[in-house]
Amino acid sequence: MHPLTTVRGAIISAFVLAIVLSVILTTTLVGADGLGLHHTRIDRWLHIVSGVMWIGLLYYFNVVQVPALGDATADKGGPGGAGITKYVAPRALWWFRWASVATWVTGAYFLLFGYGSPVAMHKAFLLQEGFVTIGVGAWLGTIMLLNVWGLIWRNQKKILGIVPATDEEKAKARKVALYASRVNFILSVPMLMCMGGQSHGLPF
């Protein structure tokens, strides 16, 4: 399996490289410069990787695919958007929705075990002192996850013909999916601010 010719090969190679680098950096740099790389947690790392996949696809849909499909529909002499809706969108949505689950699950795991106490998740979702920033981020991520599975994917199945729907139902589904996706796009910016701010500057 060549890492440059298949998606699976590239994914496996990326994780293997990260693990090898982690081992090398941990054994050679800890103690030499006080980086403390042994404190890097696999759950936090997986949370970041899956979050990049999820939010990256969210931005792709909102900034690239939806406007491009609009232009394709308006261009009466062009090739249209059938190729995107048949081949690209279903695959992108598969990665999108499962990356959202992986992001939430790894984030919840890190809240449960990454702060030295299983009650950290409880404190975060109740926005208690010391966990307000990460708690707000967790709530925004939870709302976004529910949007993905409850609104976006449910309506995209009608749009893409995965489940039967009339033209009227498809038109309604397009609007609901678009608005839910735009809500997630908007929520993602403060969510990322909170996720980064917990460690880098927001003092609550």
N, C-alpha and C. Protein backbone atom coordinates (compact mmCIF):
# COMPACT_ATOMS: atom_id res chain seq x y z
N MET A 1 0.85 -1.18 0.00
CA MET A 1 0.00 0.00 0.00
C MET A 1 0.90 1.24 0.00
N HIS A 2 0.94 1.91 -1.14
CA HIS A 2 1.81 3.07 -1.29
C HIS A 2 1.20 4.28 -0.59
N PRO A 3 1.93 4.96 0.29
CA PRO A 3 1.35 6.07 1.06
C PRO A 3 0.97 7.28 0.22
N LEU A 4 1.50 7.38 -0.98
CA LEU A 4 1.22 8.55 -1.81
C LEU A 4 0.16 8.29 -2.87
N THR A 5 -0.30 7.04 -3.00
CA THR A 5 -1.27 6.74 -4.04
C THR A 5 -2.64 6.33 -3.50
N THR A 6 -2.76 6.11 -2.18
CA THR A 6 -4.06 5.77 -1.60
C THR A 6 -4.31 6.61 -0.35
N VAL A 7 -5.56 6.90 -0.11
CA VAL A 7 -5.93 7.66 1.09
C VAL A 7 -5.59 6.86 2.34
N ARG A 8 -5.92 5.58 2.32
CA ARG A 8 -5.64 4.73 3.49
C ARG A 8 -4.15 4.70 3.79
N GLY A 9 -3.34 4.57 2.74
CA GLY A 9 -1.90 4.55 2.93
C GLY A 9 -1.38 5.84 3.51
N ALA A 10 -1.93 6.97 3.05
CA ALA A 10 -1.50 8.27 3.57
C ALA A 10 -1.90 8.43 5.04
N ILE A 11 -3.10 7.98 5.40
CA ILE A 11 -3.57 8.09 6.79
C ILE A 11 -2.69 7.24 7.71
N ILE A 12 -2.46 6.00 7.32
CA ILE A 12 -1.64 5.11 8.14
C ILE A 12 -0.23 5.67 8.29
N SER A 13 0.32 6.15 7.17
CA SER A 13 1.68 6.71 7.22
C SER A 13 1.76 7.93 8.13
N ALA A 14 0.73 8.79 8.08
CA ALA A 14 0.72 9.98 8.92
C ALA A 14 0.72 9.62 10.40
N PHE A 15 -0.08 8.63 10.79
CA PHE A 15 -0.14 8.23 12.19
C PHE A 15 1.14 7.52 12.63
N VAL A 16 1.68 6.69 11.75
CA VAL A 16 2.94 6.02 12.08
C VAL A 16 4.04 7.05 12.28
N LEU A 17 4.12 8.02 11.38
CA LEU A 17 5.15 9.07 11.49
C LEU A 17 4.98 9.86 12.79
N ALA A 18 3.74 10.19 13.12
CA ALA A 18 3.50 10.94 14.35
C ALA A 18 3.92 10.15 15.58
N ILE A 19 3.62 8.86 15.58
CA ILE A 19 3.99 8.02 16.73
C ILE A 19 5.51 7.90 16.83
N VAL A 20 6.17 7.68 15.70
CA VAL A 20 7.63 7.57 15.70
C VAL A 20 8.26 8.87 16.20
N LEU A 21 7.78 10.00 15.68
CA LEU A 21 8.31 11.29 16.13
C LEU A 21 8.06 11.52 17.62
N SER A 22 6.89 11.09 18.09
CA SER A 22 6.57 11.24 19.51
C SER A 22 7.57 10.47 20.37
N VAL A 23 7.87 9.25 19.96
CA VAL A 23 8.82 8.43 20.70
C VAL A 23 10.21 9.07 20.68
N ILE A 24 10.63 9.50 19.49
CA ILE A 24 11.96 10.11 19.36
C ILE A 24 12.07 11.38 20.19
N LEU A 25 11.07 12.25 20.06
CA LEU A 25 11.12 13.52 20.79
C LEU A 25 11.04 13.31 22.29
N THR A 26 10.23 12.36 22.69
CA THR A 26 10.10 12.09 24.13
C THR A 26 11.40 11.59 24.72
N THR A 27 12.06 10.71 24.01
CA THR A 27 13.28 10.11 24.56
C THR A 27 14.50 11.02 24.43
N THR A 28 14.49 11.94 23.46
CA THR A 28 15.69 12.76 23.24
C THR A 28 15.59 14.16 23.81
N LEU A 29 14.34 14.70 23.90
CA LEU A 29 14.22 16.11 24.29
C LEU A 29 13.77 16.31 25.72
N VAL A 30 13.03 15.39 26.28
CA VAL A 30 12.60 15.56 27.66
C VAL A 30 13.83 15.55 28.57
N GLY A 31 13.92 16.56 29.38
CA GLY A 31 15.07 16.69 30.26
C GLY A 31 16.15 17.56 29.65
N ALA A 32 16.25 17.55 28.32
CA ALA A 32 17.28 18.36 27.67
C ALA A 32 16.87 19.82 27.63
N ASP A 33 15.60 20.07 27.39
CA ASP A 33 15.15 21.46 27.33
C ASP A 33 13.87 21.70 28.11
N GLY A 34 13.46 20.69 28.90
CA GLY A 34 12.31 20.88 29.76
C GLY A 34 10.99 20.94 29.05
N LEU A 35 10.90 20.37 27.84
CA LEU A 35 9.64 20.45 27.11
C LEU A 35 8.55 19.60 27.74
N GLY A 36 8.95 18.55 28.39
CA GLY A 36 7.96 17.70 29.05
C GLY A 36 7.03 17.02 28.07
N LEU A 37 7.57 16.51 26.95
CA LEU A 37 6.73 15.91 25.94
C LEU A 37 6.08 14.62 26.42
N HIS A 38 6.56 14.05 27.50
CA HIS A 38 5.94 12.84 28.03
C HIS A 38 4.53 13.12 28.53
N HIS A 39 4.20 14.39 28.71
CA HIS A 39 2.85 14.74 29.17
C HIS A 39 1.84 14.82 28.03
N THR A 40 2.33 14.71 26.79
CA THR A 40 1.41 14.71 25.66
C THR A 40 0.50 13.50 25.78
N ARG A 41 -0.81 13.73 25.67
CA ARG A 41 -1.77 12.64 25.85
C ARG A 41 -2.33 12.22 24.50
N ILE A 42 -2.48 10.91 24.32
CA ILE A 42 -3.00 10.38 23.07
C ILE A 42 -4.43 10.85 22.83
N ASP A 43 -5.23 10.99 23.90
CA ASP A 43 -6.61 11.41 23.72
C ASP A 43 -6.68 12.85 23.22
N ARG A 44 -5.83 13.70 23.75
CA ARG A 44 -5.83 15.09 23.30
C ARG A 44 -5.36 15.20 21.86
N TRP A 45 -4.36 14.40 21.52
CA TRP A 45 -3.84 14.39 20.16
C TRP A 45 -4.92 13.93 19.18
N LEU A 46 -5.62 12.83 19.51
CA LEU A 46 -6.69 12.34 18.64
C LEU A 46 -7.84 13.34 18.56
N HIS A 47 -8.08 14.05 19.66
CA HIS A 47 -9.12 15.08 19.67
C HIS A 47 -8.77 16.19 18.68
N ILE A 48 -7.52 16.59 18.67
CA ILE A 48 -7.08 17.65 17.76
C ILE A 48 -7.15 17.18 16.32
N VAL A 49 -6.66 15.97 16.04
CA VAL A 49 -6.65 15.45 14.67
C VAL A 49 -8.06 15.29 14.12
N SER A 50 -8.95 14.68 14.91
CA SER A 50 -10.33 14.50 14.44
C SER A 50 -11.04 15.83 14.33
N GLY A 51 -10.73 16.78 15.23
CA GLY A 51 -11.33 18.10 15.14
C GLY A 51 -10.91 18.86 13.90
N VAL A 52 -9.63 18.72 13.52
CA VAL A 52 -9.17 19.36 12.29
C VAL A 52 -9.91 18.79 11.08
N MET A 53 -10.11 17.46 11.06
CA MET A 53 -10.86 16.84 9.96
C MET A 53 -12.30 17.36 9.93
N TRP A 54 -12.94 17.39 11.08
CA TRP A 54 -14.34 17.82 11.15
C TRP A 54 -14.49 19.28 10.73
N ILE A 55 -13.76 20.17 11.37
CA ILE A 55 -13.92 21.58 11.08
C ILE A 55 -13.39 21.93 9.70
N GLY A 56 -12.34 21.23 9.26
CA GLY A 56 -11.84 21.45 7.90
C GLY A 56 -12.90 21.14 6.86
N LEU A 57 -13.62 20.04 7.05
CA LEU A 57 -14.70 19.71 6.11
C LEU A 57 -15.87 20.68 6.25
N LEU A 58 -16.16 21.12 7.46
CA LEU A 58 -17.20 22.14 7.65
C LEU A 58 -16.87 23.39 6.85
N TYR A 59 -15.62 23.82 6.91
CA TYR A 59 -15.20 25.01 6.16
C TYR A 59 -15.22 24.74 4.66
N TYR A 60 -14.83 23.53 4.26
CA TYR A 60 -14.90 23.17 2.83
C TYR A 60 -16.33 23.29 2.32
N PHE A 61 -17.29 22.71 3.05
CA PHE A 61 -18.68 22.76 2.61
C PHE A 61 -19.17 24.20 2.48
N ASN A 62 -18.90 25.02 3.50
CA ASN A 62 -19.45 26.37 3.53
C ASN A 62 -18.72 27.35 2.62
N VAL A 63 -17.42 27.20 2.48
CA VAL A 63 -16.63 28.17 1.73
C VAL A 63 -16.42 27.74 0.28
N VAL A 64 -16.41 26.42 0.02
CA VAL A 64 -16.09 25.94 -1.33
C VAL A 64 -17.28 25.25 -2.00
N GLN A 65 -17.76 24.14 -1.41
CA GLN A 65 -18.72 23.30 -2.13
C GLN A 65 -20.06 23.98 -2.37
N VAL A 66 -20.67 24.53 -1.34
CA VAL A 66 -21.99 25.14 -1.51
C VAL A 66 -21.96 26.30 -2.50
N PRO A 67 -21.02 27.26 -2.39
CA PRO A 67 -20.96 28.31 -3.40
C PRO A 67 -20.67 27.77 -4.81
N ALA A 68 -19.83 26.73 -4.91
CA ALA A 68 -19.51 26.16 -6.22
C ALA A 68 -20.73 25.50 -6.83
N LEU A 69 -21.52 24.80 -6.04
CA LEU A 69 -22.75 24.19 -6.55
C LEU A 69 -23.75 25.25 -6.99
N GLY A 70 -23.79 26.37 -6.25
CA GLY A 70 -24.65 27.48 -6.67
C GLY A 70 -24.23 28.03 -8.02
N ASP A 71 -22.93 28.21 -8.21
CA ASP A 71 -22.42 28.69 -9.51
C ASP A 71 -22.69 27.67 -10.61
N ALA A 72 -22.54 26.38 -10.29
CA ALA A 72 -22.78 25.33 -11.29
C ALA A 72 -24.24 25.30 -11.73
N THR A 73 -25.14 25.53 -10.79
CA THR A 73 -26.56 25.55 -11.12
C THR A 73 -26.91 26.75 -11.99
N ALA A 74 -26.30 27.89 -11.70
CA ALA A 74 -26.57 29.12 -12.46
C ALA A 74 -25.96 29.08 -13.86
N ASP A 75 -24.91 28.29 -14.05
CA ASP A 75 -24.23 28.20 -15.35
C ASP A 75 -24.95 27.17 -16.22
N LYS A 76 -25.88 27.65 -17.05
CA LYS A 76 -26.72 26.76 -17.85
C LYS A 76 -25.94 26.01 -18.91
N GLY A 77 -24.82 26.55 -19.35
CA GLY A 77 -24.03 25.87 -20.37
C GLY A 77 -22.90 25.04 -19.81
N GLY A 78 -22.77 25.00 -18.50
CA GLY A 78 -21.65 24.30 -17.86
C GLY A 78 -21.95 22.84 -17.59
N PRO A 79 -21.01 22.16 -16.95
CA PRO A 79 -21.17 20.73 -16.67
C PRO A 79 -22.12 20.42 -15.52
N GLY A 80 -22.51 21.44 -14.75
CA GLY A 80 -23.40 21.21 -13.62
C GLY A 80 -22.67 20.64 -12.41
N GLY A 81 -23.44 20.35 -11.38
CA GLY A 81 -22.84 19.87 -10.14
C GLY A 81 -23.09 18.40 -9.86
N ALA A 82 -23.54 17.65 -10.87
CA ALA A 82 -23.89 16.25 -10.64
C ALA A 82 -22.71 15.43 -10.15
N GLY A 83 -21.52 15.72 -10.68
CA GLY A 83 -20.34 14.96 -10.25
C GLY A 83 -20.03 15.17 -8.78
N ILE A 84 -20.20 16.41 -8.32
CA ILE A 84 -19.95 16.71 -6.91
C ILE A 84 -20.97 16.01 -6.03
N THR A 85 -22.25 16.12 -6.38
CA THR A 85 -23.29 15.53 -5.54
C THR A 85 -23.27 14.00 -5.56
N LYS A 86 -22.79 13.41 -6.67
CA LYS A 86 -22.76 11.96 -6.76
C LYS A 86 -21.52 11.35 -6.14
N TYR A 87 -20.35 11.98 -6.36
CA TYR A 87 -19.10 11.36 -5.96
C TYR A 87 -18.41 12.03 -4.77
N VAL A 88 -18.44 13.36 -4.72
CA VAL A 88 -17.69 14.08 -3.69
C VAL A 88 -18.48 14.22 -2.39
N ALA A 89 -19.70 14.74 -2.49
CA ALA A 89 -20.48 15.04 -1.29
C ALA A 89 -20.72 13.83 -0.38
N PRO A 90 -21.13 12.66 -0.91
CA PRO A 90 -21.36 11.53 0.00
C PRO A 90 -20.10 11.12 0.77
N ARG A 91 -18.97 11.12 0.08
CA ARG A 91 -17.72 10.74 0.75
C ARG A 91 -17.31 11.79 1.77
N ALA A 92 -17.41 13.06 1.40
CA ALA A 92 -17.06 14.14 2.34
C ALA A 92 -17.97 14.12 3.55
N LEU A 93 -19.26 13.84 3.34
CA LEU A 93 -20.20 13.80 4.45
C LEU A 93 -19.93 12.61 5.37
N TRP A 94 -19.44 11.50 4.81
CA TRP A 94 -19.09 10.35 5.65
C TRP A 94 -17.99 10.75 6.62
N TRP A 95 -16.90 11.31 6.10
CA TRP A 95 -15.80 11.74 6.96
C TRP A 95 -16.25 12.84 7.91
N PHE A 96 -17.09 13.73 7.43
CA PHE A 96 -17.57 14.87 8.22
C PHE A 96 -18.33 14.40 9.44
N ARG A 97 -19.29 13.52 9.24
CA ARG A 97 -20.15 13.15 10.38
C ARG A 97 -19.40 12.25 11.37
N TRP A 98 -18.54 11.33 10.89
CA TRP A 98 -17.82 10.47 11.83
C TRP A 98 -16.68 11.20 12.51
N ALA A 99 -16.10 12.19 11.82
CA ALA A 99 -15.09 13.03 12.48
C ALA A 99 -15.72 13.83 13.61
N SER A 100 -16.98 14.23 13.43
CA SER A 100 -17.67 14.96 14.51
C SER A 100 -17.83 14.07 15.74
N VAL A 101 -18.17 12.81 15.52
CA VAL A 101 -18.31 11.86 16.64
C VAL A 101 -16.96 11.63 17.31
N ALA A 102 -15.93 11.40 16.49
CA ALA A 102 -14.59 11.16 17.06
C ALA A 102 -14.12 12.37 17.86
N THR A 103 -14.40 13.57 17.36
CA THR A 103 -13.98 14.79 18.06
C THR A 103 -14.68 14.89 19.41
N TRP A 104 -15.98 14.66 19.42
CA TRP A 104 -16.73 14.78 20.67
C TRP A 104 -16.31 13.70 21.68
N VAL A 105 -16.17 12.47 21.21
CA VAL A 105 -15.83 11.36 22.11
C VAL A 105 -14.43 11.55 22.70
N THR A 106 -13.46 11.91 21.87
CA THR A 106 -12.11 12.11 22.39
C THR A 106 -12.05 13.33 23.30
N GLY A 107 -12.84 14.35 23.00
CA GLY A 107 -12.91 15.52 23.87
C GLY A 107 -13.52 15.17 25.22
N ALA A 108 -14.59 14.37 25.20
CA ALA A 108 -15.22 13.94 26.45
C ALA A 108 -14.27 13.07 27.26
N TYR A 109 -13.55 12.20 26.58
CA TYR A 109 -12.58 11.34 27.28
C TYR A 109 -11.50 12.18 27.94
N PHE A 110 -11.03 13.20 27.21
CA PHE A 110 -9.99 14.05 27.78
C PHE A 110 -10.52 14.83 28.98
N LEU A 111 -11.77 15.29 28.90
CA LEU A 111 -12.36 15.98 30.06
C LEU A 111 -12.48 15.05 31.25
N LEU A 112 -12.82 13.79 30.99
CA LEU A 112 -12.99 12.84 32.08
C LEU A 112 -11.67 12.45 32.74
N PHE A 113 -10.61 12.33 31.93
CA PHE A 113 -9.37 11.77 32.46
C PHE A 113 -8.15 12.66 32.30
N GLY A 114 -8.28 13.76 31.57
CA GLY A 114 -7.12 14.60 31.28
C GLY A 114 -6.85 15.70 32.28
N TYR A 115 -7.78 15.95 33.19
CA TYR A 115 -7.60 17.04 34.15
C TYR A 115 -7.39 16.53 35.56
N GLY A 116 -7.05 15.26 35.68
CA GLY A 116 -6.71 14.70 36.98
C GLY A 116 -7.89 14.27 37.81
N SER A 117 -9.11 14.46 37.30
CA SER A 117 -10.30 14.07 38.05
C SER A 117 -11.45 13.80 37.10
N PRO A 118 -12.17 12.69 37.29
CA PRO A 118 -13.32 12.39 36.43
C PRO A 118 -14.45 13.41 36.54
N VAL A 119 -14.43 14.25 37.57
CA VAL A 119 -15.51 15.24 37.72
C VAL A 119 -15.27 16.48 36.85
N ALA A 120 -14.15 16.52 36.13
CA ALA A 120 -13.85 17.69 35.30
C ALA A 120 -14.91 17.88 34.22
N MET A 121 -15.40 16.79 33.65
CA MET A 121 -16.43 16.90 32.62
C MET A 121 -17.70 17.51 33.20
N HIS A 122 -18.06 17.04 34.39
CA HIS A 122 -19.23 17.58 35.09
C HIS A 122 -19.05 19.08 35.34
N LYS A 123 -17.87 19.47 35.80
CA LYS A 123 -17.61 20.88 36.08
C LYS A 123 -17.63 21.71 34.80
N ALA A 124 -17.11 21.14 33.71
CA ALA A 124 -17.07 21.86 32.44
C ALA A 124 -18.48 22.14 31.92
N PHE A 125 -19.33 21.12 31.91
CA PHE A 125 -20.67 21.31 31.37
C PHE A 125 -21.56 22.15 32.28
N LEU A 126 -21.19 22.24 33.55
CA LEU A 126 -21.91 23.14 34.46
C LEU A 126 -21.27 24.52 34.53
N LEU A 127 -20.21 24.72 33.74
CA LEU A 127 -19.51 26.01 33.65
C LEU A 127 -19.02 26.48 35.02
N GLN A 128 -18.46 25.56 35.80
CA GLN A 128 -17.96 25.91 37.11
C GLN A 128 -16.58 26.57 36.99
N GLU A 129 -16.20 27.24 38.06
CA GLU A 129 -14.96 28.01 38.07
C GLU A 129 -13.76 27.15 37.66
N GLY A 130 -12.94 27.70 36.79
CA GLY A 130 -11.78 26.98 36.28
C GLY A 130 -12.06 26.17 35.03
N PHE A 131 -13.37 26.01 34.72
CA PHE A 131 -13.75 25.20 33.56
C PHE A 131 -14.73 25.94 32.65
N VAL A 132 -14.88 27.23 32.85
CA VAL A 132 -15.86 27.98 32.06
C VAL A 132 -15.47 27.99 30.59
N THR A 133 -14.23 28.30 30.29
CA THR A 133 -13.80 28.40 28.90
C THR A 133 -13.95 27.08 28.17
N ILE A 134 -13.40 26.01 28.74
CA ILE A 134 -13.49 24.71 28.09
C ILE A 134 -14.94 24.22 28.09
N GLY A 135 -15.71 24.61 29.11
CA GLY A 135 -17.12 24.23 29.17
C GLY A 135 -17.93 24.87 28.06
N VAL A 136 -17.69 26.15 27.81
CA VAL A 136 -18.38 26.82 26.70
C VAL A 136 -18.01 26.14 25.38
N GLY A 137 -16.71 25.83 25.21
CA GLY A 137 -16.28 25.13 24.01
C GLY A 137 -16.94 23.77 23.87
N ALA A 138 -17.07 23.05 24.99
CA ALA A 138 -17.70 21.73 24.96
C ALA A 138 -19.18 21.83 24.61
N TRP A 139 -19.86 22.84 25.15
CA TRP A 139 -21.28 23.04 24.82
C TRP A 139 -21.45 23.39 23.34
N LEU A 140 -20.60 24.26 22.82
CA LEU A 140 -20.69 24.62 21.40
C LEU A 140 -20.42 23.40 20.53
N GLY A 141 -19.42 22.60 20.89
CA GLY A 141 -19.13 21.38 20.14
C GLY A 141 -20.28 20.39 20.19
N THR A 142 -20.95 20.30 21.34
CA THR A 142 -22.09 19.39 21.47
C THR A 142 -23.25 19.84 20.60
N ILE A 143 -23.53 21.14 20.60
CA ILE A 143 -24.59 21.67 19.73
C ILE A 143 -24.26 21.38 18.27
N MET A 144 -23.00 21.57 17.90
CA MET A 144 -22.58 21.32 16.52
C MET A 144 -22.72 19.84 16.15
N LEU A 145 -22.36 18.94 17.08
CA LEU A 145 -22.52 17.51 16.84
C LEU A 145 -23.99 17.16 16.60
N LEU A 146 -24.87 17.70 17.43
CA LEU A 146 -26.31 17.44 17.27
C LEU A 146 -26.83 17.99 15.95
N ASN A 147 -26.30 19.13 15.53
CA ASN A 147 -26.67 19.68 14.22
C ASN A 147 -26.24 18.76 13.09
N VAL A 148 -25.03 18.20 13.20
CA VAL A 148 -24.52 17.31 12.15
C VAL A 148 -25.44 16.12 11.95
N TRP A 149 -25.78 15.45 13.05
CA TRP A 149 -26.55 14.22 12.93
C TRP A 149 -28.06 14.44 12.89
N GLY A 150 -28.55 15.47 13.59
CA GLY A 150 -29.98 15.68 13.66
C GLY A 150 -30.55 16.49 12.51
N LEU A 151 -29.75 17.38 11.93
CA LEU A 151 -30.26 18.25 10.87
C LEU A 151 -29.50 18.10 9.55
N ILE A 152 -28.18 18.24 9.58
CA ILE A 152 -27.42 18.25 8.34
C ILE A 152 -27.49 16.90 7.63
N TRP A 153 -27.08 15.83 8.30
CA TRP A 153 -27.05 14.52 7.65
C TRP A 153 -28.45 14.03 7.33
N ARG A 154 -29.39 14.23 8.21
CA ARG A 154 -30.76 13.77 7.96
C ARG A 154 -31.33 14.41 6.69
N ASN A 155 -31.03 15.68 6.47
CA ASN A 155 -31.54 16.36 5.28
C ASN A 155 -30.68 16.12 4.05
N GLN A 156 -29.37 15.94 4.25
CA GLN A 156 -28.51 15.63 3.11
C GLN A 156 -28.88 14.30 2.48
N LYS A 157 -29.36 13.35 3.25
CA LYS A 157 -29.78 12.08 2.68
C LYS A 157 -30.92 12.26 1.70
N LYS A 158 -31.79 13.21 1.94
CA LYS A 158 -32.87 13.52 1.00
C LYS A 158 -32.32 14.23 -0.23
N ILE A 159 -31.43 15.18 -0.02
CA ILE A 159 -30.86 15.96 -1.12
C ILE A 159 -30.09 15.06 -2.08
N LEU A 160 -29.33 14.12 -1.54
CA LEU A 160 -28.47 13.26 -2.35
C LEU A 160 -29.18 12.03 -2.89
N GLY A 161 -30.45 11.85 -2.53
CA GLY A 161 -31.21 10.71 -3.03
C GLY A 161 -30.94 9.42 -2.30
N ILE A 162 -30.31 9.51 -1.14
CA ILE A 162 -30.05 8.31 -0.34
C ILE A 162 -31.34 7.77 0.25
N VAL A 163 -32.26 8.68 0.59
CA VAL A 163 -33.62 8.29 1.00
C VAL A 163 -34.60 8.98 0.06
N PRO A 164 -35.74 8.35 -0.21
CA PRO A 164 -36.71 8.95 -1.14
C PRO A 164 -37.25 10.28 -0.61
N ALA A 165 -37.43 11.24 -1.52
CA ALA A 165 -37.98 12.55 -1.14
C ALA A 165 -38.55 13.21 -2.39
N THR A 166 -39.65 13.93 -2.22
CA THR A 166 -40.23 14.68 -3.33
C THR A 166 -39.39 15.92 -3.59
N ASP A 167 -39.64 16.58 -4.72
CA ASP A 167 -38.91 17.81 -5.03
C ASP A 167 -39.14 18.86 -3.95
N GLU A 168 -40.36 18.93 -3.44
CA GLU A 168 -40.68 19.89 -2.37
C GLU A 168 -39.90 19.56 -1.09
N GLU A 169 -39.85 18.28 -0.77
CA GLU A 169 -39.10 17.86 0.42
C GLU A 169 -37.61 18.13 0.26
N LYS A 170 -37.09 17.93 -0.96
CA LYS A 170 -35.67 18.21 -1.20
C LYS A 170 -35.37 19.69 -1.09
N ALA A 171 -36.28 20.53 -1.58
CA ALA A 171 -36.07 21.98 -1.47
C ALA A 171 -36.04 22.42 -0.02
N LYS A 172 -36.95 21.87 0.78
CA LYS A 172 -36.96 22.19 2.21
C LYS A 172 -35.70 21.66 2.88
N ALA A 173 -35.29 20.44 2.50
CA ALA A 173 -34.10 19.83 3.09
C ALA A 173 -32.85 20.66 2.79
N ARG A 174 -32.77 21.22 1.58
CA ARG A 174 -31.61 22.06 1.23
C ARG A 174 -31.51 23.27 2.15
N LYS A 175 -32.65 23.88 2.41
CA LYS A 175 -32.65 25.07 3.27
C LYS A 175 -32.27 24.71 4.70
N VAL A 176 -32.84 23.64 5.24
CA VAL A 176 -32.55 23.25 6.61
C VAL A 176 -31.08 22.86 6.76
N ALA A 177 -30.57 22.05 5.81
CA ALA A 177 -29.18 21.63 5.87
C ALA A 177 -28.23 22.82 5.75
N LEU A 178 -28.57 23.76 4.86
CA LEU A 178 -27.72 24.94 4.68
C LEU A 178 -27.68 25.78 5.95
N TYR A 179 -28.84 26.04 6.54
CA TYR A 179 -28.88 26.88 7.73
C TYR A 179 -28.18 26.20 8.91
N ALA A 180 -28.37 24.88 9.05
CA ALA A 180 -27.70 24.16 10.14
C ALA A 180 -26.19 24.19 9.95
N SER A 181 -25.74 24.03 8.71
CA SER A 181 -24.32 24.07 8.42
C SER A 181 -23.75 25.46 8.68
N ARG A 182 -24.51 26.50 8.32
CA ARG A 182 -24.04 27.87 8.56
C ARG A 182 -23.98 28.17 10.06
N VAL A 183 -24.94 27.65 10.80
CA VAL A 183 -24.90 27.82 12.26
C VAL A 183 -23.63 27.18 12.81
N ASN A 184 -23.32 25.97 12.35
CA ASN A 184 -22.10 25.31 12.80
C ASN A 184 -20.85 26.09 12.40
N PHE A 185 -20.86 26.65 11.20
CA PHE A 185 -19.74 27.46 10.74
C PHE A 185 -19.51 28.64 11.69
N ILE A 186 -20.59 29.30 12.06
CA ILE A 186 -20.51 30.46 12.96
C ILE A 186 -20.06 30.02 14.35
N LEU A 187 -20.62 28.91 14.86
CA LEU A 187 -20.27 28.45 16.20
C LEU A 187 -18.83 27.95 16.28
N SER A 188 -18.29 27.49 15.15
CA SER A 188 -16.96 26.90 15.17
C SER A 188 -15.88 27.90 15.56
N VAL A 189 -16.06 29.16 15.20
CA VAL A 189 -15.02 30.15 15.49
C VAL A 189 -14.89 30.40 17.00
N PRO A 190 -15.99 30.71 17.72
CA PRO A 190 -15.84 30.83 19.18
C PRO A 190 -15.50 29.51 19.85
N MET A 191 -15.95 28.38 19.28
CA MET A 191 -15.59 27.10 19.87
C MET A 191 -14.08 26.89 19.82
N LEU A 192 -13.47 27.17 18.68
CA LEU A 192 -12.01 27.02 18.56
C LEU A 192 -11.28 28.00 19.48
N MET A 193 -11.84 29.20 19.63
CA MET A 193 -11.26 30.17 20.56
C MET A 193 -11.26 29.61 21.98
N CYS A 194 -12.37 29.00 22.38
CA CYS A 194 -12.47 28.44 23.73
C CYS A 194 -11.55 27.24 23.91
N MET A 195 -11.47 26.39 22.89
CA MET A 195 -10.63 25.21 23.01
C MET A 195 -9.16 25.60 23.15
N GLY A 196 -8.73 26.58 22.37
CA GLY A 196 -7.36 27.05 22.49
C GLY A 196 -7.16 27.92 23.72
N GLY A 197 -8.19 28.67 24.08
CA GLY A 197 -8.09 29.61 25.19
C GLY A 197 -7.96 28.95 26.54
N GLN A 198 -8.41 27.71 26.66
CA GLN A 198 -8.30 27.00 27.94
C GLN A 198 -6.84 26.87 28.36
N SER A 199 -5.96 26.72 27.37
CA SER A 199 -4.54 26.56 27.68
C SER A 199 -3.71 27.79 27.37
N HIS A 200 -4.29 28.73 26.61
CA HIS A 200 -3.46 29.81 26.08
C HIS A 200 -4.08 31.19 26.26
N GLY A 201 -4.57 31.50 27.43
CA GLY A 201 -4.85 32.88 27.65
C GLY A 201 -6.17 33.31 28.24
N LEU A 202 -7.26 32.52 28.12
CA LEU A 202 -8.50 32.95 28.72
C LEU A 202 -8.53 32.46 30.17
N PRO A 203 -8.55 33.36 31.14
CA PRO A 203 -8.27 32.99 32.53
C PRO A 203 -9.50 32.53 33.31
N PHE A 204 -10.39 31.77 32.69
CA PHE A 204 -11.56 31.30 33.45
C PHE A 204 -12.06 30.01 32.87
